[in-house]
Protein backbone atom coordinates (compact mmCIF):
# COMPACT_ATOMS: atom_id res chain seq x y z
CA MET A 1 0.11 0.04 -0.24
CA THR A 2 1.24 3.44 -1.11
CA GLY A 3 2.00 6.09 1.53
CA GLU A 4 -0.76 7.97 0.21
CA THR A 5 -3.02 5.40 0.82
CA THR A 6 -1.87 4.40 4.55
CA GLU A 7 -2.56 8.04 5.51
CA ALA A 8 -6.01 7.80 4.39
CA ILE A 9 -7.04 4.64 6.57
CA GLN A 10 -8.63 5.98 9.82
CA ARG A 11 -9.09 4.11 13.26
CA PRO A 12 -12.68 4.11 14.26
CA GLU A 13 -13.88 6.48 17.14
CA GLY A 14 -15.42 3.50 19.40
CA GLU A 15 -14.65 -0.11 20.21
CA VAL A 16 -12.93 -2.19 17.66
CA LYS A 17 -14.64 -5.35 17.12
CA LEU A 18 -12.83 -6.35 13.85
CA GLU A 19 -9.50 -5.66 12.45
CA THR A 20 -6.99 -6.72 9.78
CA ARG A 21 -3.17 -6.27 9.85
CA GLY A 22 -1.27 -6.56 6.66
CA LEU A 23 -3.87 -8.70 4.93
CA ASN A 24 -3.11 -10.33 1.43
CA LEU A 25 -5.19 -12.74 -0.23
CA HIS A 26 -4.28 -14.94 -3.22
CA TYR A 27 -6.10 -17.16 -5.48
CA ASP A 28 -3.97 -19.50 -7.37
CA GLY A 29 -1.36 -16.91 -7.92
CA PHE A 30 -3.73 -13.82 -8.32
CA GLN A 31 -3.35 -11.30 -5.70
CA ALA A 32 -7.09 -10.08 -4.81
CA LEU A 33 -6.00 -8.26 -1.49
CA ARG A 34 -3.06 -6.04 -0.94
CA GLU A 35 -1.84 -5.14 2.50
CA ILE A 36 -5.32 -4.34 3.91
CA SER A 37 -4.90 -2.79 7.52
CA VAL A 38 -8.11 -1.59 8.88
CA SER A 39 -10.36 -1.38 12.05
CA ILE A 40 -13.93 -1.73 12.27
CA GLU A 41 -16.12 -0.35 15.02
CA ALA A 42 -18.46 -2.56 17.01
CA ARG A 43 -22.21 -2.43 16.97
CA THR A 44 -22.17 -0.07 13.86
CA ILE A 45 -22.55 -0.57 10.16
CA THR A 46 -19.65 -0.24 7.92
CA ALA A 47 -19.92 -0.36 3.95
CA LEU A 48 -17.38 -1.57 1.45
CA ILE A 49 -17.77 -0.02 -1.93
CA GLY A 50 -15.87 0.06 -5.18
CA PRO A 51 -15.99 -1.56 -8.73
CA SER A 52 -16.99 -5.20 -9.45
CA GLY A 53 -13.87 -7.36 -8.98
CA CYS A 54 -12.12 -4.97 -6.68
CA GLY A 55 -11.78 -7.39 -3.68
CA LYS A 56 -14.66 -6.34 -1.42
CA SER A 57 -16.52 -9.71 -1.10
CA SER A 58 -12.95 -11.42 -0.74
CA PHE A 59 -12.45 -9.31 1.98
CA LEU A 60 -15.55 -9.84 3.53
CA ARG A 61 -15.33 -13.52 3.36
CA CYS A 62 -11.78 -13.50 5.41
CA PHE A 63 -13.76 -12.57 8.62
CA ASN A 64 -15.33 -15.99 8.91
CA ARG A 65 -12.75 -17.67 6.80
CA MET A 66 -15.34 -18.60 3.99
CA ASN A 67 -12.13 -18.29 1.61
CA ASP A 68 -11.13 -21.60 3.19
CA LEU A 69 -13.44 -23.22 0.97
CA ILE A 70 -11.76 -22.10 -2.07
CA PRO A 71 -8.78 -24.79 -2.38
CA THR A 72 -6.48 -22.24 -4.18
CA ALA A 73 -7.04 -19.48 -1.52
CA SER A 74 -4.00 -18.32 0.57
CA VAL A 75 -4.07 -15.72 3.20
CA GLN A 76 -1.11 -13.73 4.81
CA GLY A 77 -1.45 -11.35 7.63
CA GLU A 78 -3.82 -11.15 10.44
CA VAL A 79 -7.57 -10.98 10.77
CA LEU A 80 -8.79 -10.18 14.20
CA LEU A 81 -12.06 -10.73 16.12
CA ASP A 82 -12.23 -9.14 19.50
CA GLY A 83 -8.24 -9.04 19.20
CA ARG A 84 -7.58 -12.68 18.42
CA ASN A 85 -6.39 -13.89 14.98
CA VAL A 86 -9.26 -16.04 13.47
CA TYR A 87 -6.37 -17.75 11.25
CA GLU A 88 -4.57 -19.25 14.31
CA ARG A 89 -4.30 -23.01 14.03
CA GLU A 90 -6.18 -23.83 17.07
CA VAL A 91 -9.37 -21.47 15.92
CA ASP A 92 -12.62 -23.65 15.84
CA VAL A 93 -13.91 -22.70 12.30
CA PRO A 94 -17.40 -23.62 12.85
CA ALA A 95 -17.68 -21.79 16.10
CA LEU A 96 -16.09 -18.76 14.50
CA ARG A 97 -18.96 -18.76 11.73
CA LYS A 98 -21.48 -18.97 14.47
CA ARG A 99 -20.03 -15.79 15.86
CA VAL A 100 -19.51 -14.14 12.46
CA GLY A 101 -22.62 -14.96 10.31
CA MET A 102 -23.11 -14.23 6.53
CA VAL A 103 -26.17 -13.16 4.40
CA PHE A 104 -25.39 -13.71 0.76
CA GLN A 105 -26.29 -11.79 -2.42
CA SER A 106 -29.31 -13.81 -3.39
CA PRO A 107 -32.00 -15.23 -0.89
CA ASN A 108 -31.09 -18.55 -0.11
CA PRO A 109 -33.80 -20.58 2.06
CA PHE A 110 -33.41 -24.32 2.24
CA PRO A 111 -35.94 -26.31 0.82
CA MET A 112 -38.30 -26.87 3.93
CA SER A 113 -40.62 -24.94 6.10
CA ILE A 114 -40.04 -21.39 7.33
CA TYR A 115 -39.78 -23.03 10.94
CA ASP A 116 -37.16 -25.38 9.98
CA ASN A 117 -35.02 -22.92 8.15
CA VAL A 118 -34.47 -20.81 11.40
CA ALA A 119 -34.42 -23.79 13.53
CA TYR A 120 -31.71 -25.55 11.31
CA GLY A 121 -28.69 -23.62 12.79
CA PRO A 122 -29.58 -24.36 16.64
CA ARG A 123 -30.34 -27.90 15.92
CA LEU A 124 -26.73 -28.29 14.12
CA HIS A 125 -25.18 -26.87 17.61
CA GLY A 126 -27.47 -29.22 19.66
CA VAL A 127 -30.37 -27.63 20.53
CA SER A 128 -33.46 -30.12 20.41
CA GLU A 129 -35.86 -29.18 23.16
CA ARG A 130 -39.11 -28.33 21.33
CA SER A 131 -39.73 -25.36 23.77
CA ALA A 132 -36.37 -23.79 23.24
CA LEU A 133 -36.45 -24.03 19.46
CA ASP A 134 -39.92 -22.54 19.36
CA GLU A 135 -38.54 -19.48 21.54
CA THR A 136 -35.50 -19.16 19.27
CA VAL A 137 -37.57 -19.30 15.99
CA GLU A 138 -39.94 -16.75 17.22
CA LYS A 139 -37.12 -14.52 18.64
CA SER A 140 -35.10 -14.48 15.48
CA LEU A 141 -38.21 -14.08 13.24
CA ARG A 142 -39.10 -11.05 15.22
CA GLY A 143 -35.32 -9.72 15.06
CA ALA A 144 -35.71 -10.02 11.21
CA ALA A 145 -39.04 -7.94 11.39
CA LEU A 146 -40.70 -11.17 9.64
CA TRP A 147 -42.70 -12.63 12.52
CA ASP A 148 -45.94 -10.91 12.20
CA GLU A 149 -46.05 -11.82 8.45
CA VAL A 150 -45.43 -15.45 8.87
CA LYS A 151 -46.45 -16.29 12.43
CA ASP A 152 -49.60 -18.29 11.07
CA THR A 153 -47.55 -20.19 8.29
CA LEU A 154 -44.39 -21.39 9.90
CA ARG A 155 -44.80 -25.11 8.37
CA LYS A 156 -45.47 -23.72 4.91
CA PRO A 157 -42.28 -24.06 2.70
CA ALA A 158 -39.92 -21.20 2.97
CA LEU A 159 -39.66 -21.08 -0.95
CA ASP A 160 -43.23 -19.72 -1.11
CA LEU A 161 -41.90 -16.48 0.44
CA SER A 162 -41.36 -13.26 -1.64
CA GLY A 163 -37.92 -12.56 -2.64
CA GLY A 164 -37.83 -9.89 0.34
CA GLN A 165 -39.29 -12.12 2.70
CA GLN A 166 -36.70 -15.00 1.76
CA GLN A 167 -33.74 -12.41 2.39
CA ARG A 168 -35.28 -11.52 5.88
CA LEU A 169 -35.60 -15.30 6.66
CA SER A 170 -32.02 -15.64 5.64
CA ILE A 171 -31.26 -13.14 8.31
CA ALA A 172 -33.42 -14.57 10.96
CA ARG A 173 -31.62 -17.98 10.24
CA VAL A 174 -28.32 -16.22 10.94
CA LEU A 175 -29.58 -14.65 14.09
CA ALA A 176 -30.86 -17.96 15.37
CA VAL A 177 -27.21 -18.90 16.16
CA GLU A 178 -26.87 -15.83 18.19
CA PRO A 179 -23.88 -14.21 16.14
CA GLU A 180 -21.98 -11.23 17.25
CA VAL A 181 -21.19 -10.01 13.68
CA LEU A 182 -23.37 -9.99 10.46
CA LEU A 183 -21.39 -9.86 7.08
CA MET A 184 -23.86 -9.05 4.32
CA ASP A 185 -22.65 -9.48 0.87
CA GLU A 186 -24.93 -7.22 -1.54
CA PRO A 187 -28.05 -8.34 0.46
CA CYS A 188 -30.43 -6.02 -1.56
CA SER A 189 -29.00 -6.72 -5.30
CA ALA A 190 -31.77 -9.18 -6.03
CA LEU A 191 -34.60 -7.24 -4.56
CA ASP A 192 -37.15 -4.47 -5.50
CA PRO A 193 -36.99 -1.08 -4.02
CA THR A 194 -39.62 -1.80 -1.49
CA ALA A 195 -38.19 -4.91 -0.41
CA THR A 196 -34.59 -3.10 -0.27
CA PHE A 197 -36.07 -0.01 1.77
CA ARG A 198 -37.20 -2.84 4.34
CA ILE A 199 -33.90 -4.57 4.44
CA GLU A 200 -32.12 -1.28 5.01
CA GLU A 201 -34.70 -0.47 7.96
CA LEU A 202 -33.69 -3.79 9.44
CA MET A 203 -30.15 -3.12 9.42
CA LEU A 204 -30.59 0.22 11.17
CA GLU A 205 -32.57 -1.59 13.79
CA LEU A 206 -29.78 -4.64 13.99
CA LYS A 207 -26.84 -2.27 14.44
CA GLU A 208 -27.72 -1.66 18.07
CA ARG A 209 -27.02 -5.33 18.95
CA TYR A 210 -24.69 -6.34 15.97
CA THR A 211 -21.42 -5.38 14.24
CA ILE A 212 -22.53 -5.12 10.69
CA VAL A 213 -20.44 -5.02 7.52
CA ILE A 214 -22.25 -4.84 4.29
CA VAL A 215 -20.55 -4.73 0.55
CA THR A 216 -22.98 -2.94 -1.48
CA HIS A 217 -22.60 -1.24 -5.36
CA ASN A 218 -25.45 1.26 -4.36
CA MET A 219 -23.94 4.42 -3.28
CA TYR A 220 -27.14 5.72 -2.06
CA GLN A 221 -27.41 2.62 0.13
CA ALA A 222 -24.13 3.06 1.69
CA SER A 223 -24.76 6.70 2.27
CA ARG A 224 -28.25 5.91 3.90
CA VAL A 225 -27.16 3.13 6.32
CA SER A 226 -23.62 3.05 7.16
CA VAL A 227 -21.52 5.17 9.61
CA TYR A 228 -18.15 4.04 8.04
CA THR A 229 -17.16 3.40 4.70
CA GLY A 230 -13.98 1.62 2.90
CA PHE A 231 -13.38 2.20 -0.96
CA PHE A 232 -11.65 -0.60 -2.46
CA LEU A 233 -10.04 -0.45 -5.79
CA LEU A 234 -7.91 -3.16 -7.42
CA GLY A 235 -7.52 -5.26 -4.35
CA GLU A 236 -6.36 -1.98 -2.31
CA LEU A 237 -8.31 -0.16 0.36
CA ILE A 238 -7.64 3.24 -0.82
CA GLU A 239 -9.79 5.29 1.74
CA TYR A 240 -11.75 4.50 5.01
CA GLY A 241 -13.34 6.76 7.19
CA ARG A 242 -16.79 8.11 8.39
CA THR A 243 -19.33 7.81 5.59
CA VAL A 244 -20.10 11.57 5.46
CA GLN A 245 -16.28 12.40 4.86
CA ILE A 246 -16.11 9.64 2.11
CA PHE A 247 -18.73 10.97 0.12
CA GLU A 248 -18.70 14.74 0.73
CA ASN A 249 -14.92 15.18 1.25
CA PRO A 250 -12.77 12.32 0.44
CA LYS A 251 -9.04 12.57 0.73
CA ASP A 252 -8.21 10.09 -2.41
CA GLN A 253 -9.19 11.69 -6.06
CA ARG A 254 -9.90 8.05 -6.86
CA THR A 255 -12.43 7.90 -4.04
CA ASP A 256 -13.97 11.18 -5.26
CA ASP A 257 -14.17 9.85 -8.80
CA TYR A 258 -15.95 6.82 -7.92
CA VAL A 259 -18.47 8.21 -5.59
CA ARG A 260 -19.18 10.66 -8.15
CA GLY A 261 -19.65 8.24 -10.87
CA ARG A 262 -16.86 9.09 -12.97
CA PHE A 263 -15.75 5.39 -13.16
CA GLY A 264 -16.81 1.96 -11.95
C-alpha cells in the first residue's frame, strides 16, 4: 500500500470489533487483496464500496474464513475478532462462523419449512428441546422483522415467500445462532426498491446489537445506512473513514471519482 493510501486509513472512534493487519489474499497466483490494515467499530454499520472485482467480497469472507472453501486461496497477515487472529491454527472454524454470520447476495432459503429454516442452525449446534426451538424461531423472526408476516404459516415452504421475505428469513436464520457480527454481501441486489427499503430499515435496527459489514454497489444505500465506508480498488483499500467524509470530502481523488460516478 502506498504512503498516500496508508494516510487515508482511519481508526474508528469507538470499540474495535474486527481488524485486519497487513492482510493479503491470493487465488492460485492472483493477488485479490493487498496489505489491507483497517479497524471496524463494534455495533455499527460499515459499508464496503468499489467496482466489481476489486476485492470487497473477498475481504468480507476473510472475517469468517469462507475463503477456506476455495482450495487455491491463500491468506497472509492477520484478521482479528476481539483482538484474536481467526487464522490461528487452534481456532474452531464452525464456532467462528457461529459468531460471524453471513447473508449472501441472493436469498438462499433451504427447501424446507419456514420454521425448519430458522431452527436448522440451533439444531446443528445441539438444541433439540421443542420449547427452546420455538422460542429461538420466534425471537429470530422478530429480530428479522418477519414474525408478524409468517407466524401463522410457519409450516409452509420457505420457497413460497417473496424475495424480500426470503432475504429476511436468511437474516433470521443467521440470528438464530446468536452471532456477534453480520456480514452482508450485497443483500439487496436481487430485491425491488420496496424490499430493499425494508432490509435497510432492518439493518438500522440490528446495528444496536450487532456489528454489521455490508458490501454494496449502491452508493445511496451506503450513504443511507452506514457510519463508516471503505473504498476498494484493484485489491487495495484506498480510503476508509466516516461515510459523510468519504462521500462529501474524500481525501483521495480516486475515491472522489468513484463516488461521483466518474468510473466503476
